[in-house]
Protein backbone atom coordinates (compact mmCIF):
# COMPACT_ATOMS: atom_id res chain seq x y z
CA MET A 1 -25.61 4.32 -13.93
CA LEU A 2 -23.46 6.77 -15.81
CA THR A 3 -25.06 6.39 -19.20
CA TYR A 4 -25.44 9.70 -20.91
CA LEU A 5 -28.24 10.20 -23.40
CA LEU A 6 -27.19 12.79 -25.94
CA PHE A 7 -29.04 14.98 -28.37
CA LEU A 8 -29.21 13.16 -31.66
CA PHE A 9 -28.06 15.21 -34.62
CA SER A 10 -26.77 14.27 -38.03
CA LYS A 11 -23.05 13.67 -38.18
CA VAL A 12 -20.75 12.79 -41.05
CA SER A 13 -17.71 10.62 -40.29
CA LEU A 14 -14.44 11.67 -41.86
CA ALA A 15 -12.65 9.13 -44.00
CA GLY A 16 -10.29 7.10 -41.82
CA ASP A 17 -9.33 7.51 -38.17
CA ARG A 18 -7.05 10.57 -38.35
CA ILE A 19 -6.73 14.19 -39.35
CA THR A 20 -3.82 16.48 -40.28
CA PRO A 21 -3.47 20.29 -39.94
CA SER A 22 -5.32 20.71 -43.22
CA GLN A 23 -8.44 19.08 -41.76
CA ASN A 24 -10.70 19.82 -38.80
CA ILE A 25 -13.71 18.46 -36.95
CA SER A 26 -16.84 20.55 -36.62
CA ASP A 27 -20.26 19.93 -35.08
CA ALA A 28 -21.44 17.74 -37.93
CA ARG A 29 -18.26 15.72 -38.46
CA THR A 30 -16.66 12.93 -36.42
CA LEU A 31 -13.57 10.74 -36.34
CA VAL A 32 -14.01 6.94 -36.06
CA SER A 33 -11.38 4.41 -34.95
CA ASN A 34 -10.19 1.92 -37.55
CA ASP A 35 -12.19 -1.01 -36.12
CA GLY A 36 -15.29 1.13 -35.59
CA SER A 37 -15.27 0.81 -31.78
CA PHE A 38 -14.98 4.49 -30.83
CA GLU A 39 -16.03 7.85 -32.23
CA LEU A 40 -14.73 11.38 -31.57
CA GLY A 41 -16.89 14.46 -32.01
CA PHE A 42 -18.92 17.22 -30.41
CA PHE A 43 -21.95 16.35 -28.29
CA SER A 44 -24.54 17.89 -26.00
CA LEU A 45 -26.32 16.31 -23.05
CA VAL A 46 -30.10 15.99 -22.86
CA ASN A 47 -30.74 18.71 -20.29
CA SER A 48 -28.02 21.10 -21.39
CA ASN A 49 -27.20 23.52 -24.22
CA ASN A 50 -23.48 23.16 -23.57
CA LEU A 51 -21.28 21.63 -26.25
CA TYR A 52 -18.36 19.31 -25.50
CA LEU A 53 -15.68 17.48 -27.45
CA GLY A 54 -15.61 13.83 -26.43
CA ILE A 55 -15.16 10.17 -27.27
CA TRP A 56 -17.95 7.58 -27.07
CA TYR A 57 -18.66 4.00 -28.07
CA LYS A 58 -19.61 3.76 -31.74
CA LYS A 59 -21.07 0.24 -31.97
CA ILE A 60 -23.65 0.32 -29.18
CA SER A 61 -27.14 1.82 -29.28
CA VAL A 62 -26.85 3.86 -26.07
CA ARG A 63 -24.44 6.73 -26.68
CA THR A 64 -22.00 6.46 -23.75
CA VAL A 65 -19.21 9.01 -23.34
CA VAL A 66 -15.85 7.76 -22.03
CA TRP A 67 -13.74 10.93 -22.34
CA VAL A 68 -14.39 14.69 -22.43
CA ALA A 69 -11.86 17.32 -23.51
CA ASN A 70 -13.36 20.63 -22.36
CA ARG A 71 -14.93 19.45 -19.07
CA LEU A 72 -14.18 22.73 -17.33
CA ASN A 73 -15.07 25.05 -20.18
CA PRO A 74 -18.05 23.98 -22.32
CA ILE A 75 -19.10 25.86 -25.43
CA ASN A 76 -22.33 27.75 -24.69
CA HIS A 77 -25.05 28.12 -27.35
CA SER A 78 -22.51 27.92 -30.13
CA SER A 79 -20.88 25.54 -32.58
CA GLY A 80 -17.43 24.05 -32.03
CA LEU A 81 -14.31 23.33 -34.04
CA LEU A 82 -11.32 21.02 -33.38
CA MET A 83 -8.11 21.68 -35.27
CA ILE A 84 -4.33 21.29 -35.14
CA ASN A 85 -2.72 24.75 -34.99
CA ARG A 86 0.60 25.88 -36.46
CA LYS A 87 2.49 24.90 -33.29
CA GLY A 88 1.21 21.35 -33.44
CA SER A 89 -1.25 21.67 -30.56
CA LEU A 90 -4.86 20.53 -30.50
CA VAL A 91 -7.27 23.43 -30.12
CA VAL A 92 -11.03 23.55 -29.54
CA MET A 93 -12.64 26.84 -30.52
CA SER A 94 -16.13 28.23 -30.30
CA GLN A 95 -17.98 29.92 -33.13
CA ASN A 96 -16.44 33.31 -32.29
CA LYS A 97 -12.92 31.78 -32.59
CA SER A 98 -12.20 31.92 -28.86
CA VAL A 99 -10.12 28.99 -27.54
CA VAL A 100 -12.02 26.92 -24.96
CA TRP A 101 -9.52 24.06 -24.69
CA SER A 102 -5.99 23.24 -25.85
CA THR A 103 -3.33 20.58 -25.35
CA GLY A 104 -0.83 23.38 -24.71
CA LEU A 105 2.20 21.97 -26.52
CA GLY A 106 3.61 25.36 -27.49
CA ALA A 107 6.59 25.09 -25.13
CA GLN A 108 7.56 21.68 -26.53
CA LYS A 109 9.40 20.92 -29.71
CA GLN A 110 7.11 21.68 -32.61
CA ALA A 111 5.93 18.79 -34.76
CA LYS A 112 6.79 18.98 -38.45
CA ASN A 113 3.96 16.75 -39.60
CA PRO A 114 1.45 16.43 -36.75
CA VAL A 115 -1.22 13.75 -37.07
CA LEU A 116 -4.19 13.19 -34.76
CA GLN A 117 -5.43 9.58 -34.64
CA LEU A 118 -8.23 7.82 -32.76
CA LEU A 119 -6.98 4.33 -31.87
CA ASP A 120 -9.04 1.16 -31.54
CA SER A 121 -8.44 1.32 -27.77
CA GLY A 122 -10.30 4.64 -27.55
CA ASN A 123 -7.08 6.61 -27.07
CA LEU A 124 -6.80 9.87 -29.02
CA VAL A 125 -3.13 10.33 -29.92
CA LEU A 126 -1.21 13.26 -31.42
CA ARG A 127 2.02 12.22 -33.17
CA ASP A 128 4.67 13.73 -35.38
CA GLY A 129 4.24 11.93 -38.70
CA ASN A 130 4.71 8.18 -38.41
CA SER A 131 6.59 8.37 -35.11
CA GLU A 132 5.52 5.87 -32.45
CA THR A 133 6.17 8.48 -29.76
CA SER A 134 3.09 10.51 -28.86
CA LEU A 135 3.22 14.25 -28.30
CA TRP A 136 -0.08 14.10 -26.45
CA GLU A 137 -2.76 11.46 -25.77
CA SER A 138 -6.19 11.45 -24.16
CA PHE A 139 -5.31 8.43 -21.96
CA ASP A 140 -3.02 10.80 -20.02
CA TYR A 141 -6.04 12.86 -19.00
CA PRO A 142 -8.88 10.47 -18.04
CA SER A 143 -12.38 11.61 -17.14
CA ASN A 144 -14.52 9.26 -15.03
CA THR A 145 -13.86 6.09 -17.04
CA LEU A 146 -10.96 3.64 -16.99
CA LEU A 147 -10.87 1.72 -20.27
CA PRO A 148 -8.81 -1.46 -20.80
CA GLY A 149 -5.22 -0.39 -21.38
CA MET A 150 -5.57 2.97 -19.61
CA LYS A 151 -3.27 3.70 -16.68
CA LEU A 152 -4.12 4.79 -13.16
CA GLY A 153 -1.04 6.23 -11.45
CA TRP A 154 1.91 8.47 -12.29
CA ASP A 155 4.27 9.25 -15.15
CA LEU A 156 7.21 10.40 -13.05
CA ARG A 157 9.17 11.71 -16.04
CA LYS A 158 6.40 13.99 -17.33
CA GLY A 159 4.84 14.68 -13.94
CA ILE A 160 1.43 13.44 -15.11
CA ASN A 161 -1.08 12.08 -12.61
CA TRP A 162 -3.37 9.50 -14.25
CA ASN A 163 -6.54 9.66 -12.15
CA LEU A 164 -10.31 9.40 -12.47
CA THR A 165 -12.69 12.16 -11.37
CA GLU A 166 -16.44 11.71 -11.23
CA TRP A 167 -18.88 13.74 -13.27
CA THR A 168 -20.69 16.36 -11.21
CA SER A 169 -24.01 14.96 -12.46
CA PRO A 170 -25.33 12.97 -15.44
CA ASP A 171 -25.93 16.32 -17.17
CA ASP A 172 -22.62 17.90 -16.20
CA PRO A 173 -19.25 16.27 -17.03
CA SER A 174 -17.24 18.81 -15.04
CA PRO A 175 -15.08 17.23 -12.29
CA GLY A 176 -16.96 16.32 -9.11
CA ASP A 177 -15.61 15.73 -5.60
CA LEU A 178 -14.62 12.06 -5.94
CA THR A 179 -11.14 11.21 -7.20
CA TYR A 180 -9.59 7.79 -7.76
CA TRP A 181 -5.80 7.95 -7.78
CA ILE A 182 -2.61 6.33 -6.46
CA GLU A 183 -0.80 7.85 -3.48
CA ARG A 184 2.90 8.07 -4.23
CA GLN A 185 4.46 6.99 -0.94
CA SER A 186 7.21 4.36 -0.81
CA TYR A 187 4.55 1.63 -0.99
CA PRO A 188 1.99 3.01 -3.52
CA ASP A 189 -1.64 2.74 -2.45
CA PRO A 190 -4.70 3.45 -4.67
CA VAL A 191 -7.39 5.47 -2.90
CA ILE A 192 -10.76 7.11 -3.53
CA GLN A 193 -11.04 10.56 -1.99
CA LYS A 194 -13.78 13.11 -1.57
CA GLY A 195 -11.90 16.35 -1.46
CA THR A 196 -9.03 15.60 0.93
CA ASN A 197 -10.87 12.88 2.87
CA LYS A 198 -10.19 9.26 2.04
CA PHE A 199 -13.27 7.14 1.42
CA TYR A 200 -11.70 3.90 0.29
CA ARG A 201 -8.25 2.34 -0.07
CA THR A 202 -7.54 -0.76 -2.15
CA GLY A 203 -4.44 -1.69 -0.18
CA PRO A 204 -0.99 -1.97 -1.78
CA TRP A 205 -0.12 -4.35 -4.61
CA ASN A 206 1.44 -7.58 -3.31
CA GLY A 207 2.55 -9.13 -6.58
CA LEU A 208 -0.75 -10.86 -7.29
CA TRP A 209 -3.49 -8.41 -6.31
CA PHE A 210 -4.22 -5.41 -4.10
CA SER A 211 -4.29 -6.54 -0.48
CA GLY A 212 -7.75 -5.01 0.03
CA SER A 213 -9.19 -6.87 -2.97
CA PRO A 214 -7.85 -10.42 -2.65
CA GLY A 215 -8.28 -12.94 -5.43
CA LEU A 216 -7.77 -12.92 -9.18
CA ASN A 217 -10.58 -11.48 -11.29
CA PRO A 218 -11.85 -14.00 -13.86
CA ALA A 219 -12.90 -11.27 -16.31
CA TYR A 220 -9.65 -9.36 -16.75
CA ASP A 221 -5.91 -9.46 -16.13
CA ASP A 222 -4.57 -6.91 -13.64
CA ASN A 223 -1.09 -5.46 -13.91
CA PHE A 224 0.81 -3.11 -11.60
CA VAL A 225 4.09 -1.40 -12.48
CA SER A 226 6.30 0.51 -10.06
CA ASN A 227 9.75 1.76 -11.07
CA GLU A 228 11.75 4.96 -11.24
CA TYR A 229 9.83 6.17 -14.29
CA GLU A 230 6.24 5.08 -13.72
CA VAL A 231 3.84 3.88 -11.05
CA TYR A 232 0.54 2.65 -12.41
CA TYR A 233 -2.24 0.07 -12.49
CA THR A 234 -3.81 -1.16 -15.71
CA TYR A 235 -5.98 -4.04 -16.87
CA THR A 236 -6.84 -5.94 -20.04
CA LEU A 237 -9.95 -7.96 -20.87
CA LYS A 238 -9.63 -11.72 -21.21
CA ASN A 239 -12.61 -11.73 -23.56
CA LYS A 240 -11.53 -9.27 -26.26
CA SER A 241 -15.01 -9.12 -27.76
CA GLU A 242 -16.51 -7.86 -24.49
CA ILE A 243 -17.32 -4.16 -24.11
CA SER A 244 -16.44 -3.28 -20.53
CA ARG A 245 -15.21 -0.32 -18.52
CA ILE A 246 -14.61 0.82 -14.93
CA VAL A 247 -16.55 3.93 -13.88
CA LEU A 248 -16.17 6.30 -10.93
CA ASN A 249 -19.54 7.88 -10.27
CA GLN A 250 -21.44 10.02 -7.80
CA MET A 251 -23.68 7.14 -6.68
CA ASN A 252 -23.27 5.31 -3.35
CA THR A 253 -21.32 2.61 -5.16
CA PHE A 254 -18.25 4.69 -5.92
CA LEU A 255 -16.55 2.31 -8.34
CA GLU A 256 -18.41 0.05 -10.74
CA ARG A 257 -17.63 -2.27 -13.60
CA HIS A 258 -20.01 -1.85 -16.55
CA ILE A 259 -20.50 -4.60 -19.16
CA TRP A 260 -22.55 -4.06 -22.30
CA ASN A 261 -25.29 -6.65 -22.82
CA GLU A 262 -26.00 -6.88 -26.52
CA ALA A 263 -29.16 -8.95 -26.13
CA SER A 264 -30.93 -6.50 -23.80
CA GLN A 265 -29.11 -3.40 -25.13
CA ILE A 266 -28.24 -2.13 -21.64
CA TRP A 267 -25.20 -1.70 -19.43
CA LEU A 268 -24.97 -4.32 -16.69
CA ARG A 269 -23.54 -2.75 -13.53
CA TYR A 270 -21.33 -4.63 -11.07
CA PRO A 271 -20.38 -2.65 -7.95
CA LEU A 272 -16.69 -3.06 -7.13
CA ILE A 273 -16.47 -0.94 -3.98
CA PRO A 274 -17.56 -0.43 -1.31
CA ARG A 275 -18.66 -4.01 -0.60
CA ASP A 276 -19.49 -3.51 3.08
CA HIS A 277 -18.83 -1.19 6.05
CA CYS A 278 -15.28 -2.51 6.47
CA ASP A 279 -14.45 -1.04 3.05
CA ASN A 280 -15.10 2.45 4.44
CA TYR A 281 -11.73 4.00 5.19
CA GLY A 282 -10.76 3.79 8.87
CA PHE A 283 -14.14 2.40 9.91
CA CYS A 284 -12.70 1.02 13.17
CA GLY A 285 -10.07 3.71 13.64
CA PRO A 286 -6.33 3.13 14.20
CA ASN A 287 -4.90 -0.11 15.61
CA ALA A 288 -8.16 -2.02 15.20
CA ASN A 289 -9.31 -4.81 12.93
CA CYS A 290 -12.64 -4.64 11.07
CA ILE A 291 -14.38 -8.01 10.79
CA ILE A 292 -17.59 -8.81 8.92
CA SER A 293 -19.70 -11.25 10.93
CA TYR A 294 -21.69 -14.11 9.44
CA SER A 295 -24.79 -11.94 9.76
CA GLY A 296 -23.12 -9.18 7.71
CA PHE A 297 -22.42 -6.69 10.52
CA ALA A 298 -19.07 -4.94 10.90
CA ILE A 299 -17.31 -5.80 14.17
CA CYS A 300 -14.36 -3.76 15.44
CA GLN A 301 -11.67 -5.50 17.47
CA CYS A 302 -8.60 -3.90 19.03
CA LEU A 303 -5.31 -5.50 18.05
CA LEU A 304 -3.56 -7.57 20.72
CA GLY A 305 -1.89 -5.24 23.21
CA PHE A 306 -4.30 -2.38 22.46
CA LYS A 307 -7.47 -1.12 24.14
CA PRO A 308 -10.25 1.26 23.04
CA LYS A 309 -9.13 4.88 23.20
CA SER A 310 -12.59 5.85 24.42
CA PRO A 311 -14.30 2.89 26.14
CA GLU A 312 -17.51 4.90 26.48
CA ARG A 313 -17.78 5.66 22.77
CA TRP A 314 -16.57 2.16 21.92
CA SER A 315 -19.45 0.67 23.91
CA LEU A 316 -21.85 2.93 21.98
CA MET A 317 -20.48 1.59 18.67
CA GLU A 318 -18.69 4.91 17.95
CA ARG A 319 -15.31 3.41 17.14
CA SER A 320 -13.65 5.85 14.78
CA GLN A 321 -11.16 6.85 17.53
CA GLY A 322 -9.77 3.33 17.43
CA CYS A 323 -7.39 1.80 19.95
CA VAL A 324 -4.25 2.72 21.88
CA LEU A 325 -1.49 0.71 23.54
CA ILE A 326 -2.36 -0.88 26.89
CA LYS A 327 1.25 -0.67 28.06
CA PRO A 328 4.26 1.16 26.61
CA LEU A 329 6.54 -0.84 24.35
CA SER A 330 9.96 -1.72 25.74
CA CYS A 331 11.61 -2.02 22.32
CA LYS A 332 14.32 -4.70 22.61
CA LYS A 333 12.15 -7.14 24.55
CA ASP A 334 9.10 -6.70 22.35
CA GLY A 335 7.73 -9.46 20.16
CA PHE A 336 5.29 -9.77 17.28
CA ASN A 337 1.83 -11.22 16.99
CA THR A 338 0.88 -12.79 13.65
CA TYR A 339 -2.39 -11.92 11.94
CA PHE A 340 -3.61 -13.85 8.92
CA ASN A 341 -5.72 -12.83 5.90
CA LEU A 342 -5.62 -9.07 6.48
CA LYS A 343 -5.93 -6.00 4.33
CA LEU A 344 -2.61 -4.29 5.00
CA PRO A 345 -2.63 -0.93 6.85
CA ASP A 346 -2.49 2.47 5.20
CA THR A 347 1.00 2.82 3.73
CA THR A 348 1.36 6.57 4.32
CA ASN A 349 3.97 5.94 7.03
CA SER A 350 5.71 2.90 5.60
CA TRP A 351 9.12 1.86 4.33
CA VAL A 352 9.88 -0.71 1.61
CA ASN A 353 12.90 -2.76 0.55
CA GLU A 354 12.11 -5.22 -2.23
CA SER A 355 15.32 -7.26 -1.90
CA MET A 356 15.10 -8.25 1.78
CA SER A 357 13.81 -11.56 3.10
CA LEU A 358 11.12 -11.88 5.77
CA ASN A 359 13.71 -12.82 8.42
CA GLU A 360 15.79 -9.77 7.54
CA CYS A 361 12.62 -7.69 7.71
CA TRP A 362 11.85 -9.07 11.19
CA ALA A 363 15.38 -8.24 12.38
CA LYS A 364 15.23 -4.70 11.00
CA CYS A 365 11.81 -4.04 12.51
CA SER A 366 12.85 -5.55 15.86
CA ASN A 367 15.85 -3.23 16.07
CA ASN A 368 13.81 -0.14 15.21
CA CYS A 369 11.75 0.89 18.23
CA SER A 370 9.40 2.92 16.02
CA CYS A 371 8.50 -0.02 13.78
CA MET A 372 4.99 -1.22 14.61
CA ALA A 373 4.50 -3.95 11.99
CA TYR A 374 6.13 -5.69 9.05
CA THR A 375 5.44 -8.18 6.26
CA ASN A 376 6.53 -9.23 2.76
CA SER A 377 5.97 -6.73 -0.05
CA ASP A 378 5.52 -9.57 -2.56
CA ILE A 379 3.62 -12.77 -1.69
CA ARG A 380 4.41 -14.68 -4.87
CA GLU A 381 6.01 -18.10 -4.34
CA SER A 382 7.50 -18.13 -0.83
CA GLY A 383 7.39 -14.34 -0.43
CA SER A 384 10.01 -11.61 -0.75
CA GLY A 385 10.65 -7.98 0.07
CA CYS A 386 10.07 -6.04 3.27
CA VAL A 387 7.47 -3.48 4.31
CA MET A 388 7.57 -1.79 7.71
CA TRP A 389 4.96 0.50 9.28
CA PHE A 390 5.58 3.32 11.74
CA GLY A 391 3.00 4.91 14.04
CA ASP A 392 -0.67 3.96 14.08
CA LEU A 393 -1.89 1.09 11.92
CA MET A 394 -4.86 2.47 10.02
CA ASP A 395 -7.62 0.87 7.93
CA ILE A 396 -7.10 -2.84 8.63
CA ARG A 397 -9.77 -5.38 7.80
CA GLN A 398 -10.10 -9.16 8.10
CA PHE A 399 -10.84 -11.55 5.23
CA THR A 400 -11.87 -15.17 5.56
CA VAL A 401 -9.50 -16.12 2.73
CA GLY A 402 -7.03 -14.40 0.45
CA GLY A 403 -5.66 -11.67 2.71
CA GLN A 404 -2.06 -11.21 3.79
CA ASN A 405 -0.04 -11.99 6.90
CA LEU A 406 0.90 -9.05 9.11
CA TYR A 407 3.28 -9.16 12.07
CA VAL A 408 2.33 -6.54 14.68
CA ARG A 409 4.59 -5.46 17.54
CA ILE A 410 3.45 -6.28 21.09
CA SER A 411 5.08 -5.51 24.44
CA ALA A 412 7.05 -8.04 26.46
CA SER A 413 4.36 -8.00 29.16
CA GLU A 414 1.75 -8.93 26.57
CA ILE A 415 3.97 -11.81 25.44
CA VAL A 416 4.17 -13.05 29.05
CA ALA A 417 0.41 -12.67 29.46
CA ARG A 418 -0.21 -14.45 26.19
CA GLU A 419 2.13 -17.32 27.08
CA HIS A 420 0.51 -17.55 30.52
CA GLY A 421 -2.86 -17.64 28.82
CA ARG A 422 -1.65 -20.40 26.54
CA TRP A 423 -0.29 -22.33 29.55
CA MET A 424 -3.60 -21.88 31.35
CA ASN A 425 -5.46 -23.06 28.28
CA LYS A 426 -3.24 -26.12 28.09
CA ALA A 427 -3.74 -26.71 31.82
CA TRP A 428 -7.49 -26.40 31.48
CA ARG A 429 -7.42 -28.72 28.51
CA GLY A 430 -5.49 -31.20 30.67
CA VAL A 431 -8.02 -30.87 33.49
CA VAL A 432 -10.89 -31.34 31.07
CA ALA A 433 -9.18 -34.38 29.54
CA VAL A 434 -8.67 -35.96 32.98
CA ALA A 435 -12.28 -35.20 33.89
CA VAL A 436 -13.52 -36.79 30.68
CA VAL A 437 -11.42 -39.90 31.30
CA ALA A 438 -12.70 -40.08 34.90
CA VAL A 439 -16.30 -39.82 33.73
CA MET A 440 -15.72 -42.51 31.12
CA VAL A 441 -14.14 -44.81 33.72
CA GLY A 442 -17.08 -44.13 36.05
CA VAL A 443 -19.54 -45.00 33.30
CA VAL A 444 -17.68 -48.24 32.53
CA LEU A 445 -17.64 -49.18 36.24
CA TYR A 446 -21.32 -48.35 36.54
CA ILE A 447 -22.18 -50.57 33.58
CA TYR A 448 -19.98 -53.34 34.97
CA ARG A 449 -21.61 -53.11 38.39
CA SER A 450 -25.07 -53.01 36.82
CA ARG A 451 -24.38 -56.14 34.81
CA THR A 452 -22.94 -57.84 37.91
CA ASN A 453 -26.07 -56.99 39.92
CA ILE A 454 -28.28 -58.35 37.16
CA LYS A 455 -26.27 -61.57 37.09
CA ASP A 456 -26.66 -61.91 40.86
CA LYS A 457 -30.41 -61.38 40.53
CA ILE A 458 -30.62 -64.05 37.83
CA GLU A 459 -28.75 -66.55 39.99
CA ALA A 460 -30.99 -65.72 42.95
CA PHE A 461 -34.07 -66.21 40.80
CA VAL A 462 -32.84 -69.62 39.66
CA ARG A 463 -32.16 -70.65 43.25
CA LYS A 464 -35.62 -69.48 44.23
CA GLN A 465 -37.20 -71.63 41.53
CA SER A 466 -35.22 -74.65 42.73
CA TRP A 467 -36.40 -74.00 46.30
CA PHE A 468 -39.98 -73.80 45.00
CA TYR A 469 -39.81 -77.34 43.64
CA ARG A 470 -38.35 -78.60 46.86
CA PHE A 471 -41.10 -76.87 48.82
CA LYS A 472 -43.75 -78.77 46.80
CA GLY A 473 -42.04 -82.03 47.79
CA GLU A 474 -40.69 -82.86 44.37
CA ASN A 475 -37.40 -84.68 44.17
CA THR A 476 -35.26 -82.48 42.07
CA ASP A 477 -32.78 -85.28 41.69
CA GLU A 478 -35.40 -87.13 39.66
CA ILE A 479 -35.87 -84.36 37.15
CA THR A 480 -34.95 -85.73 33.79
CA PRO A 481 -32.66 -83.92 31.36
CA GLN A 482 -35.76 -83.16 29.24
CA HIS A 483 -37.52 -81.58 32.18
CA GLU A 484 -34.38 -79.75 33.10
CA MET A 485 -34.08 -78.33 29.61
CA GLN A 486 -37.71 -77.20 29.63
CA PHE A 487 -37.25 -75.61 33.02
CA SER A 488 -34.11 -73.84 31.89
CA SER A 489 -35.86 -72.52 28.79
CA MET A 490 -38.77 -71.30 30.83
CA ASN A 491 -36.51 -69.48 33.24
CA THR A 492 -34.56 -67.89 30.48
CA PHE A 493 -37.72 -66.64 28.71
CA THR A 494 -39.13 -65.30 31.92
CA ILE A 495 -35.95 -63.47 32.81
CA GLU A 496 -35.52 -62.05 29.31
CA SER A 497 -39.10 -60.79 29.27
CA THR A 498 -38.71 -59.22 32.66
CA THR A 499 -35.24 -57.68 32.36
CA ASN A 500 -34.88 -57.38 28.57
CA ILE A 501 -31.33 -58.73 29.02
CA LYS A 502 -30.06 -61.77 27.20
C-alpha cells in the first residue's frame, strides 16, 4: 500500500489557502485548503534525508502524499523555499538559492497579480488575480495518484499529457517504470505500460464504460470526453464525504482504489487491475479469445477461421504467438461471425466514425478487404457509431455479462463449413428426435403387451379355478350368487397378492 510515513516536524499553517508574491512557504510553514482537506508543504520520507514539496491529506492521521513537485530533483540535506518569482512562475529553491523545480512560465504572458491557491479538490492553482483561468495547476502534472476531478488523458491545445507514474519505491517518489495513460489513436484506449511494453489495456470507452471493465461502478461516476480539444477520463465520488483515490503502484496489483476507514484509521485497498490472467495484455496473442473458466483458469481459443500459429507451443500452453488464418480471405464473398460480451481488441489499428449506423459500418467493412472486424462505437440505447479494425485483433477477452458485440470477418469457405455444420447439427437433432420417439413408442407397446399378457394370465387362472371345481364333481351351476361373490373376491385377492396388479 502506498502510504508514506513522513518525518514529523512542527509546521505552522499560513492564514488562508493562498499566497501572493510577497509571501512564501518554507520548511516550517504550510498552505491548507479552505475546507481543511489538503495541505501543501515540504516533507521528508522516513528512510531519506531528501526534501520534497508536496500535497497530502490534512484530516487523516496517516500522512499520505498525493502529489510531489520536485520528484526528479529532491533537496539534499537542506531547507526549502517555495515562492512566486517576478515573472509569475512558481519556484522551489534550496538553502543555497539554487532552483530545484519551477513551473517555467517565463515564455508565457506575465501575470500582473499572480496568486497561488490550494483548492478543496487538492489542486494547486496559479492564477492572475481573480481570473478563473489558471496559468498553471498541479492537476496537469499528476504523480501516482488520481484524485476525484483529476483528468487522465490529453489537453490537445496545450500539448499536456495527463498520466500517472508510479513511485520508484515507498521511500523514493521519483518516477518508476509503470505509466498509466491514454493512447491517442482514433479510438482512444487507456493502457498501463512498463517502459514501452503494455501490461494492461482497459478497452475503449463505449458510452457507458470501458469495454474491458464492463458495468457501472456503484462508488463513483465515470466520465469520458473526446473532442478536438481534449481527450480524457475523470471520475467523481457519489459519496462526497468519502476519502478515496486511485493509485498506480509498484506492487503486483498495478492499479488500486484506496478508501480511508475512519474507524480503523487505515486505508482499505481494493485492487482494480489486473483481476486475472486474461487482464494481462495479449495473454492469448493475436486473433484469440481469452476465457476464464469456472475453475478460474485462463483458456485461450482461436477465433473462428483461425488456427494456432504454433500448434506445438499452443499444446504446451505457450500461446503468446496467437492464431493465424486457416484459409486466405476472399474479400467480397467473406462474411462475419458475431461474438458477444467481449473486451474489444487493441485500437492501435482502428478507424472510427461516430455518425454511422451499424448497417453502414457493416457495408463499409465488407467493401474494405483489409477490415477484419467492426462494431458500434457507442452502445447506449440501440447503438451508434462505427469502429473498424485492420490487421491482427489483439488482446480480446470474454465476459459472462456486460461485454460488447464484435463482428469478425471469416472466409466464404468457413461460412460454408459453418452452415454445413449447422445443417449436420439439425440433421443429428432430427435423428435423435426420431430415435427418442421410436424408443417412447417401443416403451408404450411394451407396456401394452405386458398388460395384455397379464390379463391373459388372469383369465387363464380364473378358467383353471373353474375347472378345479368341476374336477371335484361340484355343480358350478348350483353356485349361489353369494358363493360366486366370495369366489370372485378370493381370486382377486390372490391375483393381486401374486402380481401386485389391480
